[in-house]
C-alpha atoms as a PDB file:
ATOM      1  CA  UNK A   1    -114.428  28.582 109.678  1.00  0.00           C
ATOM      2  CA  UNK A   2    -115.137  29.602 106.232  1.00  0.00           C
ATOM      3  CA  UNK A   3    -117.786  32.085 107.194  1.00  0.00           C
ATOM      4  CA  UNK A   4    -114.429  34.687 109.365  1.00  0.00           C
ATOM      5  CA  UNK A   5    -112.192  33.507 106.459  1.00  0.00           C
ATOM      6  CA  UNK A   6    -114.704  35.493 103.850  1.00  0.00           C
ATOM      7  CA  UNK A   7    -115.731  38.382 106.167  1.00  0.00           C
ATOM      8  CA  UNK A   8    -111.414  38.668 106.639  1.00  0.00           C
ATOM      9  CA  UNK A   9    -111.292  39.028 102.885  1.00  0.00           C
ATOM     10  CA  UNK A  10    -114.456  41.015 102.601  1.00  0.00           C
ATOM     11  CA  UNK A  11    -112.842  43.279 105.331  1.00  0.00           C
ATOM     12  CA  UNK A  12    -115.881  42.787 107.969  1.00  0.00           C
ATOM     13  CA  UNK A  13    -113.118  41.829 110.528  1.00  0.00           C
ATOM     14  CA  UNK A  14    -109.316  42.120 110.582  1.00  0.00           C
ATOM     15  CA  UNK A  15    -107.108  39.561 108.676  1.00  0.00           C
ATOM     16  CA  UNK A  16    -104.964  39.102 110.899  1.00  0.00           C
ATOM     17  CA  UNK A  17    -106.635  39.476 114.768  1.00  0.00           C
ATOM     18  CA  UNK A  18    -110.611  38.745 113.525  1.00  0.00           C
ATOM     19  CA  UNK A  19    -111.408  41.997 115.756  1.00  0.00           C
ATOM     20  CA  UNK A  20    -114.882  43.231 114.296  1.00  0.00           C
ATOM     21  CA  UNK A  21    -115.705  46.914 112.751  1.00  0.00           C
ATOM     22  CA  UNK A  22    -118.627  48.422 112.725  1.00  0.00           C
ATOM     23  CA  UNK A  23    -119.457  47.875 108.323  1.00  0.00           C
ATOM     24  CA  UNK A  24    -117.294  45.984 105.919  1.00  0.00           C
ATOM     25  CA  UNK A  25    -114.598  48.124 103.910  1.00  0.00           C
ATOM     26  CA  UNK A  26    -114.658  45.469 101.269  1.00  0.00           C
ATOM     27  CA  UNK A  27    -111.299  44.805 101.626  1.00  0.00           C
ATOM     28  CA  UNK A  28    -108.643  43.199 103.406  1.00  0.00           C
ATOM     29  CA  UNK A  29    -107.525  45.702 106.156  1.00  0.00           C
ATOM     30  CA  UNK A  30    -105.369  44.867 109.764  1.00  0.00           C
ATOM     31  CA  UNK A  31    -107.123  46.668 112.547  1.00  0.00           C
ATOM     32  CA  UNK A  32    -105.260  49.591 114.358  1.00  0.00           C
ATOM     33  CA  UNK A  33    -103.016  47.792 116.690  1.00  0.00           C
ATOM     34  CA  UNK A  34    -102.260  44.945 114.002  1.00  0.00           C
ATOM     35  CA  UNK A  35    -101.086  48.072 111.889  1.00  0.00           C
ATOM     36  CA  UNK A  36     -98.683  49.051 114.530  1.00  0.00           C
ATOM     37  CA  UNK A  37     -96.848  45.794 115.227  1.00  0.00           C
ATOM     38  CA  UNK A  38     -96.590  44.620 111.607  1.00  0.00           C
ATOM     39  CA  UNK A  39     -93.176  46.415 110.325  1.00  0.00           C
ATOM     40  CA  UNK A  40     -94.290  47.595 106.765  1.00  0.00           C
ATOM     41  CA  UNK A  41     -92.473  45.115 104.056  1.00  0.00           C
ATOM     42  CA  UNK A  42     -95.122  42.719 105.761  1.00  0.00           C
ATOM     43  CA  UNK A  43     -98.555  45.227 105.190  1.00  0.00           C
ATOM     44  CA  UNK A  44     -97.208  45.197 101.560  1.00  0.00           C
ATOM     45  CA  UNK A  45     -96.425  42.021 101.217  1.00  0.00           C
ATOM     46  CA  UNK A  46     -99.650  40.732 103.172  1.00  0.00           C
ATOM     47  CA  UNK A  47    -102.016  43.553 100.405  1.00  0.00           C
ATOM     48  CA  UNK A  48    -103.930  44.867 103.109  1.00  0.00           C
ATOM     49  CA  UNK A  49    -104.492  48.859 104.632  1.00  0.00           C
ATOM     50  CA  UNK A  50    -105.161  50.247 107.860  1.00  0.00           C
ATOM     51  CA  UNK A  51    -109.058  49.824 108.975  1.00  0.00           C
ATOM     52  CA  UNK A  52    -110.820  52.961 108.456  1.00  0.00           C
ATOM     53  CA  UNK A  53    -114.371  51.554 110.422  1.00  0.00           C
ATOM     54  CA  UNK A  54    -114.287  51.952 114.295  1.00  0.00           C
ATOM     55  CA  UNK A  55    -113.971  48.319 115.405  1.00  0.00           C
ATOM     56  CA  UNK A  56    -116.916  46.735 117.620  1.00  0.00           C
END
């Protein structure tokens, strides 16, 4: 379980749903689907950004 948590913190996968990306971002991110579903206030409170790398 710790590996998944580390992947979420490093931006290797979406911080909400866990979908993986082609390359880690180096910071927490949300995939496009989770980004669209999250209210703007929640995005800021979670401290995440929209993923730039393609999903696997």
